[in-house]
Amino acid sequence: MNYELKKSELNLQSFINSTTHFNKCETSNVNYTLELLEGVLKGIPDIIRVFNSDNTILFFNEAGYKFYNKTRGEVRGKKCFETLNRKKNCESCDVEKAIRTKQMIIIEKYVPEFNRFMECTYNPVLDDSGEIIFVVEQLKDITEKRIMANTVKESEERYRKIVNLSPEAIAIVVDNRIVLTNHQACKLVGTDYSKIIGESIYKYIESESVKPIRKKIKQILEEKRAKSTSDHKIVRYDQTTVEVEISASYLTYKGRPAIQAVIRNITETKRALNQAAKFQKKYIESISPIPEKIQMETLYMPARTVTGDFFKIYKVNEDLAIGIVGDVSGKGITAALSVLAFFVLFREAILISYDPSEIVKILNKKIVNYLDKYIAACCFSLDLKKNEARIAGAGINQFMFQKSNCSAEEFIVKGPFLGMFEDGEFDEKVISFEKGDRFYFPTDGLEFIFDDYEIKDNYLKEHTITEFIEYMKNILNNVIADFGALKDDSTLIALEIK
């Protein structure tokens, strides 16, 4: 989900603040937070450096070590200028400024050692007493942006010279054929310029990506889209494959509709994101908390590698389980960081109350104060002693309940997103259940099932929840086959009382 953020797109500080606030910033907890942060940062393609309060380096992420060509041992305890083999500190050190002012700093700078323009964000992290714990620096390479901003398309030859300056591969496509490209594109596919020009782009696209790319090209040309980004695999000249991110935009080339594609090799990034996804999935359990009394089946399909969707079910005792399904605003690593922080808050809320309506009120107040995010959620409890379910809505306001051998019925529990209003009101629905009854809790990526009468009135009546989950997976896999990716993260919990 792409909600407007309340303060900042960068949520590394929000994640750390939420955990350190409740842990009181003791040395062991700071070390644990740094260890957890270092594990998550491995999947971020941007360069991340973490500084101690004395302006010495604690660690880089993997992209940082690779960019600076340094190991952990070579940078730990050093000052920034030492990693660049300089003799002294910069006249105006932005890390020191962030430590001094305790404010986030965002600037652009040129790094002559690497001939790169960088957007630099310095994010100070404070403890409960307002003192600096550490500073997180995030560097984004904006060299391509700077180069392309100065592009003048007066002639093919001049344009070719300019695009050859780009650190990323660029190709211009007219009528599905490559009419212009640069050195980086030739290097990416492993052949020379003369062999690429005039070729069909589909010669270099893996078969599984051909159908979604055809649809995307048609859409860009018809709607004259400025930018459309998606991940695919391309086939190199030697028939090996490479994972790439393609940013395609509409333009006019020699008076004809064309597409400019900026192609970025993300093979290593994908590998790192897969590692981050594995790290994230460790916190997402798909096993029933009380398997002898509740059957649980789950669907969990991210739109990209790392997701903002989540679910968690805790076993309070042999007769009580409390769960939540939700969706953090945004996508990717920053959303995943917020999910990890949210799990800490959810666990603490359960220690205070077992009532879903009270739990979402507790979560709402904490998220307003500490997370700078909107979170859509639906919280529920299953009391197997009373045969009673309680469901509270907070942005996710629909769920389905199905009596044994009957059609599924949709219910609405009103409530705003967590973090939207400090004094938000959240409705709660109480449902009595029996053996064989079922509950379905989806995130908004699967809201279409509420309008599908064939599913509600017929399919669920005739099939098990296991079969239903497989049916939904097949639907989503068909979408991926047609369009290359899902539009949104898709998560569903199906529960049946034994």
Protein backbone atom coordinates (compact mmCIF):
# COMPACT_ATOMS: atom_id res chain seq x y z
CA MET A 1 0.00 0.00 0.00
CA ASN A 2 1.32 3.46 -0.87
CA TYR A 3 -0.04 5.79 1.83
CA GLU A 4 1.41 9.30 2.30
CA LEU A 5 4.04 9.16 5.04
CA LYS A 6 3.66 11.61 7.87
CA LYS A 7 7.27 12.70 8.27
CA SER A 8 9.94 10.95 6.25
CA GLU A 9 10.45 8.24 3.66
CA LEU A 10 13.53 7.09 5.60
CA ASN A 11 12.39 4.86 8.45
CA LEU A 12 15.67 3.39 9.71
CA GLN A 13 15.55 5.83 12.63
CA SER A 14 11.90 5.02 13.38
CA PHE A 15 12.74 1.32 13.58
CA ILE A 16 15.69 1.84 15.93
CA ASN A 17 13.86 4.41 18.08
CA SER A 18 10.91 2.07 18.60
CA THR A 19 13.11 -0.76 19.86
CA THR A 20 15.56 1.33 21.92
CA HIS A 21 12.71 3.28 23.56
CA PHE A 22 11.27 0.17 25.12
CA ASN A 23 14.67 -1.36 25.91
CA LYS A 24 15.93 1.76 27.67
CA CYS A 25 19.13 1.76 25.57
CA GLU A 26 21.17 -0.49 27.88
CA THR A 27 24.50 -1.56 26.37
CA SER A 28 23.35 -5.13 25.65
CA ASN A 29 20.15 -3.87 24.02
CA VAL A 30 22.03 -1.33 21.87
CA ASN A 31 24.35 -4.13 20.74
CA TYR A 32 21.33 -6.33 19.96
CA THR A 33 19.69 -3.47 18.03
CA LEU A 34 22.89 -2.90 16.03
CA GLU A 35 23.17 -6.61 15.29
CA LEU A 36 19.53 -6.74 14.15
CA LEU A 37 19.97 -3.55 12.08
CA GLU A 38 23.15 -4.88 10.46
CA GLY A 39 21.32 -8.07 9.42
CA VAL A 40 18.45 -6.15 7.81
CA LEU A 41 20.75 -3.62 6.08
CA LYS A 42 22.46 -6.39 4.10
CA GLY A 43 19.60 -6.34 1.58
CA ILE A 44 19.64 -2.58 0.93
CA PRO A 45 21.28 -1.65 -2.41
CA ASP A 46 22.09 1.89 -1.21
CA ILE A 47 25.35 2.45 0.65
CA ILE A 48 24.81 2.52 4.44
CA ARG A 49 27.40 3.55 7.03
CA VAL A 50 26.75 3.55 10.78
CA PHE A 51 28.82 5.92 12.96
CA ASN A 52 29.36 5.91 16.71
CA SER A 53 28.67 9.02 18.78
CA ASP A 54 32.39 9.90 18.60
CA ASN A 55 32.23 10.03 14.77
CA THR A 56 34.04 6.71 14.31
CA ILE A 57 32.66 3.99 12.06
CA LEU A 58 30.80 1.02 13.57
CA PHE A 59 30.06 -0.85 10.33
CA PHE A 60 28.94 -0.60 6.69
CA ASN A 61 26.34 -2.70 4.92
CA GLU A 62 27.48 -5.05 2.14
CA ALA A 63 26.94 -2.39 -0.54
CA GLY A 64 29.16 -0.04 1.48
CA TYR A 65 32.02 -2.51 1.84
CA LYS A 66 31.83 -3.23 -1.89
CA PHE A 67 31.70 0.45 -2.90
CA TYR A 68 34.66 1.46 -0.71
CA ASN A 69 36.51 -1.81 -1.39
CA LYS A 70 37.09 -2.24 2.33
CA THR A 71 36.53 -5.00 4.87
CA ARG A 72 34.82 -4.63 8.24
CA GLY A 73 38.18 -4.73 10.02
CA GLU A 74 39.59 -1.98 7.80
CA VAL A 75 36.83 0.52 8.63
CA ARG A 76 35.73 -0.21 12.20
CA GLY A 77 36.89 2.54 14.55
CA LYS A 78 38.12 4.75 11.68
CA LYS A 79 36.99 8.25 10.74
CA CYS A 80 35.24 8.82 7.41
CA PHE A 81 38.16 10.66 5.78
CA GLU A 82 40.51 7.77 6.61
CA THR A 83 38.45 5.35 4.50
CA LEU A 84 39.01 7.71 1.54
CA ASN A 85 42.78 7.78 2.20
CA ARG A 86 42.64 11.50 3.00
CA LYS A 87 44.95 13.19 5.48
CA LYS A 88 42.37 15.21 7.38
CA ASN A 89 38.66 15.64 7.99
CA CYS A 90 36.43 17.66 5.62
CA GLU A 91 36.11 21.36 6.50
CA SER A 92 32.41 20.79 7.16
CA CYS A 93 31.76 17.23 8.41
CA ASP A 94 28.10 16.35 8.06
CA VAL A 95 28.35 13.43 10.51
CA GLU A 96 29.67 15.81 13.15
CA LYS A 97 26.90 18.27 12.26
CA ALA A 98 24.24 15.56 12.73
CA ILE A 99 25.79 14.62 16.09
CA ARG A 100 25.94 18.29 17.15
CA THR A 101 22.44 19.32 16.00
CA LYS A 102 20.73 15.94 16.60
CA GLN A 103 18.77 16.63 13.41
CA MET A 104 18.43 14.68 10.16
CA ILE A 105 20.57 16.18 7.36
CA ILE A 106 20.00 15.59 3.64
CA ILE A 107 22.51 16.99 1.14
CA GLU A 108 23.99 16.26 -2.28
CA LYS A 109 27.76 16.04 -2.73
CA TYR A 110 30.38 15.06 -5.28
CA VAL A 111 32.86 12.32 -4.25
CA PRO A 112 35.96 12.87 -6.43
CA GLU A 113 37.61 9.57 -5.41
CA PHE A 114 34.79 7.67 -7.14
CA ASN A 115 33.60 10.33 -9.63
CA ARG A 116 30.08 10.00 -8.27
CA PHE A 117 27.34 12.41 -7.21
CA MET A 118 25.64 11.24 -4.03
CA GLU A 119 22.49 12.13 -2.13
CA CYS A 120 23.53 11.80 1.51
CA THR A 121 21.13 11.39 4.42
CA TYR A 122 22.47 11.55 7.99
CA ASN A 123 20.01 10.11 10.50
CA PRO A 124 20.93 10.59 14.20
CA VAL A 125 19.44 8.01 16.60
CA LEU A 126 18.80 9.18 20.16
CA ASP A 127 18.22 7.35 23.42
CA ASP A 128 15.45 8.17 25.92
CA SER A 129 17.49 10.99 27.44
CA GLY A 130 18.04 12.64 24.06
CA GLU A 131 21.69 11.68 23.72
CA ILE A 132 23.21 10.36 20.46
CA ILE A 133 23.55 6.55 20.26
CA PHE A 134 24.75 6.41 16.67
CA VAL A 135 24.27 8.04 13.25
CA VAL A 136 23.00 6.14 10.19
CA GLU A 137 24.28 7.54 6.88
CA GLN A 138 22.52 6.51 3.64
CA LEU A 139 24.17 7.26 0.29
CA LYS A 140 22.24 7.12 -3.00
CA ASP A 141 24.14 7.30 -6.26
CA ILE A 142 22.45 10.08 -8.29
CA THR A 143 25.15 10.32 -10.95
CA GLU A 144 22.76 9.01 -13.61
CA LYS A 145 20.15 11.55 -12.58
CA ARG A 146 22.67 14.39 -12.83
CA ILE A 147 23.88 13.21 -16.25
CA MET A 148 20.42 12.66 -17.69
CA ALA A 149 19.21 16.05 -16.38
CA ASN A 150 21.78 17.70 -18.66
CA THR A 151 20.98 15.57 -21.70
CA VAL A 152 20.39 17.56 -24.86
CA LYS A 153 18.77 15.53 -27.64
CA GLU A 154 19.71 17.68 -30.63
CA SER A 155 21.12 14.82 -32.69
CA GLU A 156 21.55 11.07 -32.58
CA GLU A 157 25.32 11.35 -32.39
CA ARG A 158 25.28 13.88 -29.56
CA TYR A 159 22.66 11.85 -27.67
CA ARG A 160 24.76 8.70 -28.07
CA LYS A 161 27.80 10.45 -26.63
CA ILE A 162 25.79 11.60 -23.63
CA VAL A 163 24.11 8.27 -22.85
CA ASN A 164 27.53 6.63 -23.04
CA LEU A 165 28.44 8.68 -19.96
CA SER A 166 25.71 6.94 -17.97
CA PRO A 167 26.87 4.32 -15.45
CA GLU A 168 23.71 2.32 -16.30
CA ALA A 169 22.78 0.53 -19.52
CA ILE A 170 20.43 2.55 -21.76
CA ALA A 171 18.56 1.46 -24.90
CA ILE A 172 16.10 3.29 -27.18
CA VAL A 173 13.42 1.03 -28.69
CA VAL A 174 11.19 1.82 -31.69
CA ASP A 175 8.68 -0.77 -32.97
CA ASN A 176 10.22 -3.36 -30.62
CA ARG A 177 13.68 -2.92 -32.18
CA ILE A 178 16.78 -1.40 -30.62
CA VAL A 179 17.75 1.78 -32.49
CA LEU A 180 20.31 3.23 -30.06
CA THR A 181 22.20 1.97 -27.05
CA ASN A 182 25.33 2.72 -25.00
CA HIS A 183 28.56 0.99 -23.98
CA GLN A 184 27.10 -0.23 -20.68
CA ALA A 185 24.22 -1.97 -22.51
CA CYS A 186 26.70 -3.69 -24.86
CA LYS A 187 28.71 -4.80 -21.85
CA LEU A 188 25.59 -6.06 -20.09
CA VAL A 189 24.49 -8.33 -22.96
CA GLY A 190 28.05 -9.30 -23.85
CA THR A 191 28.37 -8.15 -27.46
CA ASP A 192 29.26 -5.06 -29.52
CA TYR A 193 27.15 -2.16 -30.75
CA SER A 194 26.85 -3.30 -34.38
CA LYS A 195 25.29 -6.63 -33.38
CA ILE A 196 22.66 -5.04 -31.11
CA ILE A 197 21.36 -2.23 -33.32
CA GLY A 198 18.30 -3.31 -35.30
CA GLU A 199 17.72 -6.45 -33.23
CA SER A 200 14.35 -7.24 -31.68
CA ILE A 201 14.42 -6.59 -27.95
CA TYR A 202 12.77 -9.97 -27.41
CA LYS A 203 15.98 -11.67 -28.52
CA TYR A 204 17.42 -10.58 -25.18
CA ILE A 205 14.36 -11.25 -22.98
CA GLU A 206 13.86 -14.54 -21.15
CA SER A 207 10.76 -16.36 -22.42
CA GLU A 208 8.83 -15.99 -19.12
CA SER A 209 9.16 -12.19 -19.29
CA VAL A 210 8.13 -11.73 -22.94
CA LYS A 211 4.36 -11.64 -22.31
CA PRO A 212 4.42 -9.10 -19.43
CA ILE A 213 6.95 -6.90 -21.27
CA ARG A 214 4.76 -6.84 -24.41
CA LYS A 215 1.82 -5.64 -22.29
CA LYS A 216 3.95 -3.06 -20.49
CA ILE A 217 5.33 -1.61 -23.75
CA LYS A 218 1.82 -1.30 -25.18
CA GLN A 219 0.64 0.46 -22.02
CA ILE A 220 3.58 2.91 -21.95
CA LEU A 221 3.11 3.87 -25.60
CA GLU A 222 -0.67 4.29 -25.31
CA GLU A 223 -0.56 6.28 -22.06
CA LYS A 224 2.77 8.05 -22.77
CA ARG A 225 3.98 7.09 -19.32
CA ALA A 226 6.97 8.91 -17.88
CA LYS A 227 8.31 5.93 -15.95
CA SER A 228 7.41 2.29 -15.39
CA THR A 229 9.78 0.06 -13.43
CA SER A 230 9.80 -3.73 -13.22
CA ASP A 231 12.23 -6.61 -12.69
CA HIS A 232 13.00 -9.20 -15.36
CA LYS A 233 15.67 -11.60 -16.61
CA ILE A 234 17.57 -10.90 -19.81
CA VAL A 235 19.49 -13.38 -21.94
CA ARG A 236 23.08 -12.42 -22.73
CA TYR A 237 24.80 -13.14 -26.02
CA ASP A 238 26.40 -16.28 -24.51
CA GLN A 239 22.91 -17.48 -23.38
CA THR A 240 23.56 -16.87 -19.68
CA THR A 241 20.89 -14.86 -17.82
CA VAL A 242 21.10 -11.71 -15.71
CA GLU A 243 18.55 -10.24 -13.27
CA VAL A 244 17.78 -6.65 -14.23
CA GLU A 245 15.58 -3.74 -13.22
CA ILE A 246 14.15 -1.95 -16.26
CA SER A 247 12.90 1.64 -15.94
CA ALA A 248 11.00 2.38 -19.16
CA SER A 249 9.75 5.81 -20.24
CA TYR A 250 7.93 7.18 -23.27
CA LEU A 251 9.76 9.57 -25.61
CA THR A 252 9.72 10.70 -29.24
CA TYR A 253 12.72 9.55 -31.27
CA LYS A 254 13.12 11.08 -34.74
CA GLY A 255 9.42 11.93 -34.69
CA ARG A 256 8.29 8.40 -33.80
CA PRO A 257 6.91 6.98 -30.51
CA ALA A 258 9.72 5.24 -28.68
CA ILE A 259 10.73 3.84 -25.32
CA GLN A 260 13.86 4.67 -23.39
CA ALA A 261 14.88 1.80 -21.12
CA VAL A 262 17.41 2.28 -18.31
CA ILE A 263 18.61 -1.21 -17.40
CA ARG A 264 20.29 -1.92 -14.11
CA ASN A 265 22.01 -5.21 -13.26
CA ILE A 266 20.47 -6.26 -9.93
CA THR A 267 21.72 -9.84 -9.78
CA GLU A 268 23.71 -9.19 -6.61
CA THR A 269 20.96 -6.98 -5.18
CA LYS A 270 18.40 -9.74 -5.77
CA ARG A 271 20.64 -12.18 -3.99
CA ALA A 272 20.94 -9.78 -1.04
CA LEU A 273 17.17 -9.12 -1.02
CA ASN A 274 16.53 -12.85 -0.98
CA GLN A 275 18.73 -13.04 2.10
CA ALA A 276 16.72 -10.19 3.67
CA ALA A 277 13.46 -11.96 2.76
CA LYS A 278 14.68 -15.13 4.49
CA PHE A 279 15.58 -13.01 7.51
CA GLN A 280 12.08 -11.50 7.49
CA LYS A 281 10.28 -14.84 7.08
CA LYS A 282 11.88 -16.07 10.30
CA TYR A 283 9.42 -13.75 12.04
CA ILE A 284 6.39 -14.93 10.03
CA GLU A 285 5.17 -18.27 11.35
CA SER A 286 2.64 -20.22 9.26
CA ILE A 287 2.03 -23.00 11.81
CA SER A 288 -1.16 -23.07 13.85
CA PRO A 289 -0.54 -21.93 17.44
CA ILE A 290 -2.95 -24.65 18.71
CA PRO A 291 -2.83 -27.29 15.92
CA GLU A 292 -5.00 -29.82 17.77
CA LYS A 293 -7.88 -27.30 17.94
CA ILE A 294 -7.30 -24.87 15.02
CA GLN A 295 -6.29 -25.67 11.45
CA MET A 296 -4.43 -22.77 9.87
CA GLU A 297 -3.54 -22.25 6.19
CA THR A 298 -1.76 -19.13 4.93
CA LEU A 299 -1.00 -17.34 1.67
CA TYR A 300 1.96 -14.95 1.72
CA MET A 301 3.06 -13.51 -1.66
CA PRO A 302 5.05 -10.24 -1.79
CA ALA A 303 4.70 -7.86 -4.74
CA ARG A 304 8.50 -7.60 -4.61
CA THR A 305 11.08 -9.72 -2.76
CA VAL A 306 10.56 -8.05 0.62
CA THR A 307 7.03 -7.29 1.83
CA GLY A 308 5.17 -4.86 4.08
CA ASP A 309 2.41 -7.42 4.76
CA PHE A 310 2.58 -9.42 7.99
CA PHE A 311 0.68 -11.73 10.28
CA LYS A 312 1.32 -13.12 13.74
CA ILE A 313 -0.67 -15.45 16.00
CA TYR A 314 0.31 -16.04 19.62
CA LYS A 315 -0.82 -18.92 21.82
CA VAL A 316 -1.81 -17.42 25.19
CA ASN A 317 -2.86 -20.77 26.64
CA GLU A 318 -4.42 -24.04 25.45
CA ASP A 319 -7.80 -22.33 24.90
CA LEU A 320 -6.85 -18.83 23.71
CA ALA A 321 -5.02 -17.53 20.66
CA ILE A 322 -4.54 -13.89 19.66
CA GLY A 323 -3.57 -12.89 16.13
CA ILE A 324 -3.12 -9.96 13.82
CA VAL A 325 -2.87 -9.51 10.06
CA GLY A 326 -1.69 -6.24 8.59
CA ASP A 327 -0.02 -4.09 6.00
CA VAL A 328 2.58 -1.37 6.60
CA SER A 329 2.42 1.65 4.29
CA GLY A 330 5.08 1.56 1.59
CA LYS A 331 7.07 -1.42 0.32
CA GLY A 332 10.50 -3.00 0.45
CA ILE A 333 13.17 -2.69 3.12
CA THR A 334 11.74 0.34 4.96
CA ALA A 335 8.35 -1.37 5.29
CA ALA A 336 10.04 -4.57 6.45
CA LEU A 337 11.92 -2.63 9.15
CA SER A 338 8.64 -1.21 10.40
CA VAL A 339 7.12 -4.72 10.50
CA LEU A 340 9.92 -5.89 12.81
CA ALA A 341 9.32 -2.92 15.09
CA PHE A 342 5.56 -3.54 15.01
CA PHE A 343 6.03 -7.13 16.25
CA VAL A 344 7.79 -5.75 19.33
CA LEU A 345 4.84 -3.41 20.01
CA PHE A 346 2.24 -6.14 19.38
CA ARG A 347 3.92 -8.52 21.81
CA GLU A 348 3.99 -5.82 24.50
CA ALA A 349 0.30 -4.98 23.90
CA ILE A 350 -0.69 -8.64 24.49
CA LEU A 351 1.07 -8.50 27.85
CA ILE A 352 -1.36 -5.71 28.79
CA SER A 353 -4.66 -7.00 27.35
CA TYR A 354 -6.19 -10.01 25.52
CA ASP A 355 -9.06 -7.93 24.09
CA PRO A 356 -8.46 -7.09 20.38
CA SER A 357 -10.17 -3.67 20.65
CA GLU A 358 -7.91 -2.74 23.58
CA ILE A 359 -4.84 -4.14 21.79
CA VAL A 360 -5.38 -1.94 18.70
CA LYS A 361 -5.91 1.11 20.94
CA ILE A 362 -2.59 0.42 22.68
CA LEU A 363 -0.85 -0.13 19.34
CA ASN A 364 -2.37 3.03 17.87
CA LYS A 365 -0.99 5.27 20.61
CA LYS A 366 2.49 3.76 20.37
CA ILE A 367 2.59 3.96 16.57
CA VAL A 368 1.48 7.62 16.63
CA ASN A 369 4.41 8.39 18.95
CA TYR A 370 7.17 6.18 17.59
CA LEU A 371 6.76 4.76 14.08
CA ASP A 372 5.87 7.62 11.67
CA LYS A 373 3.86 5.10 9.65
CA TYR A 374 0.27 4.20 8.87
CA ILE A 375 -0.44 0.53 9.47
CA ALA A 376 -3.60 -1.25 8.34
CA ALA A 377 -4.45 -4.16 10.62
CA CYS A 378 -7.14 -6.55 11.80
CA CYS A 379 -6.69 -8.04 15.28
CA PHE A 380 -8.62 -11.09 16.51
CA SER A 381 -8.86 -13.52 19.39
CA LEU A 382 -10.19 -17.10 19.41
CA ASP A 383 -11.44 -18.29 22.82
CA LEU A 384 -11.85 -22.06 22.42
CA LYS A 385 -13.29 -22.44 25.91
CA LYS A 386 -16.14 -19.98 25.31
CA ASN A 387 -16.34 -20.78 21.56
CA GLU A 388 -16.14 -17.03 20.96
CA ALA A 389 -14.17 -14.88 18.51
CA ARG A 390 -13.53 -11.15 18.85
CA ILE A 391 -12.38 -9.16 15.81
CA ALA A 392 -11.28 -5.48 15.78
CA GLY A 393 -10.66 -3.49 12.58
CA ALA A 394 -7.96 -0.86 12.10
CA GLY A 395 -7.66 -0.06 8.40
CA ILE A 396 -8.34 -3.68 7.43
CA ASN A 397 -12.08 -3.59 8.04
CA GLN A 398 -13.36 -6.70 6.26
CA PHE A 399 -13.17 -10.38 7.05
CA MET A 400 -15.26 -13.46 6.26
CA PHE A 401 -16.87 -16.02 8.57
CA GLN A 402 -18.25 -19.30 7.26
CA LYS A 403 -20.52 -21.67 9.18
CA SER A 404 -19.84 -25.32 8.45
CA ASN A 405 -21.23 -26.34 5.00
CA CYS A 406 -22.66 -22.83 4.41
CA SER A 407 -21.73 -19.88 2.22
CA ALA A 408 -19.10 -17.46 3.56
CA GLU A 409 -20.45 -14.22 5.00
CA GLU A 410 -18.64 -10.87 4.88
CA PHE A 411 -18.38 -8.73 8.03
CA ILE A 412 -17.20 -5.13 8.46
CA VAL A 413 -15.49 -3.78 11.58
CA LYS A 414 -14.85 -0.06 11.27
CA GLY A 415 -11.67 1.61 12.44
CA PRO A 416 -8.97 3.97 11.04
CA PHE A 417 -5.41 2.99 10.21
CA LEU A 418 -3.13 2.59 13.19
CA GLY A 419 -1.09 5.76 13.57
CA MET A 420 -3.64 8.00 11.82
CA PHE A 421 -5.50 9.46 14.82
CA GLU A 422 -4.21 9.46 18.39
CA ASP A 423 -7.72 8.95 19.81
CA GLY A 424 -9.05 6.69 17.04
CA GLU A 425 -12.13 4.55 17.74
CA PHE A 426 -12.10 0.88 16.70
CA ASP A 427 -15.17 -1.35 16.35
CA GLU A 428 -15.18 -4.93 17.57
CA LYS A 429 -17.31 -7.85 16.35
CA VAL A 430 -18.11 -10.83 18.60
CA ILE A 431 -18.93 -14.13 16.85
CA SER A 432 -19.88 -17.47 18.40
CA PHE A 433 -18.43 -20.43 16.55
CA GLU A 434 -18.65 -24.22 16.46
CA LYS A 435 -16.60 -27.13 15.16
CA GLY A 436 -16.10 -26.83 11.38
CA ASP A 437 -16.60 -23.03 11.24
CA ARG A 438 -14.01 -20.95 9.40
CA PHE A 439 -12.51 -17.45 9.46
CA TYR A 440 -10.74 -15.68 6.56
CA PHE A 441 -8.52 -12.62 7.16
CA PRO A 442 -7.01 -11.05 3.97
CA THR A 443 -4.91 -7.92 3.40
CA ASP A 444 -5.97 -5.40 0.76
CA GLY A 445 -4.08 -7.20 -2.03
CA LEU A 446 -6.86 -9.84 -1.87
CA GLU A 447 -9.89 -7.64 -1.23
CA PHE A 448 -11.38 -8.77 -4.55
CA ILE A 449 -12.53 -12.03 -2.93
CA PHE A 450 -15.24 -10.08 -1.06
CA ASP A 451 -16.88 -9.21 -4.39
CA ASP A 452 -16.47 -12.67 -5.93
CA TYR A 453 -19.81 -14.34 -5.27
CA GLU A 454 -18.67 -17.56 -6.93
CA ILE A 455 -16.00 -17.90 -4.25
CA LYS A 456 -18.22 -16.92 -1.31
CA ASP A 457 -21.38 -18.80 -2.32
CA ASN A 458 -19.98 -21.90 -4.02
CA TYR A 459 -16.24 -22.52 -3.95
CA LEU A 460 -15.68 -22.21 -0.19
CA LYS A 461 -18.69 -24.43 0.53
CA GLU A 462 -17.34 -27.28 -1.60
CA HIS A 463 -13.61 -27.09 -0.85
CA THR A 464 -11.26 -27.29 2.12
CA ILE A 465 -9.28 -24.28 3.27
CA THR A 466 -6.12 -25.99 1.97
CA GLU A 467 -7.68 -26.23 -1.49
CA PHE A 468 -8.83 -22.60 -1.28
CA ILE A 469 -5.31 -21.35 -0.52
CA GLU A 470 -3.92 -23.32 -3.49
CA TYR A 471 -6.69 -21.89 -5.69
CA MET A 472 -5.76 -18.32 -4.68
CA LYS A 473 -2.06 -19.01 -5.27
CA ASN A 474 -2.86 -20.15 -8.81
CA ILE A 475 -4.82 -16.94 -9.46
CA LEU A 476 -1.91 -14.78 -8.27
CA ASN A 477 0.65 -16.82 -10.22
CA ASN A 478 -1.40 -16.22 -13.38
CA VAL A 479 -1.29 -12.46 -12.67
CA ILE A 480 2.50 -12.66 -12.34
CA ALA A 481 2.71 -14.59 -15.62
CA ASP A 482 0.63 -11.91 -17.39
CA PHE A 483 2.10 -8.74 -15.87
CA GLY A 484 5.48 -9.75 -14.44
CA ALA A 485 4.57 -8.94 -10.82
CA LEU A 486 1.70 -8.41 -8.40
CA LYS A 487 0.43 -4.86 -7.86
CA ASP A 488 0.40 -5.29 -4.10
CA ASP A 489 1.56 -7.67 -1.40
CA SER A 490 -1.04 -10.42 -0.92
CA THR A 491 -1.60 -12.16 2.41
CA LEU A 492 -4.46 -14.34 3.70
CA ILE A 493 -4.99 -16.36 6.88
CA ALA A 494 -7.65 -19.10 6.77
CA LEU A 495 -8.62 -20.72 10.10
CA GLU A 496 -10.92 -23.69 10.73
CA ILE A 497 -12.15 -24.78 14.18
CA LYS A 498 -11.52 -28.50 14.75
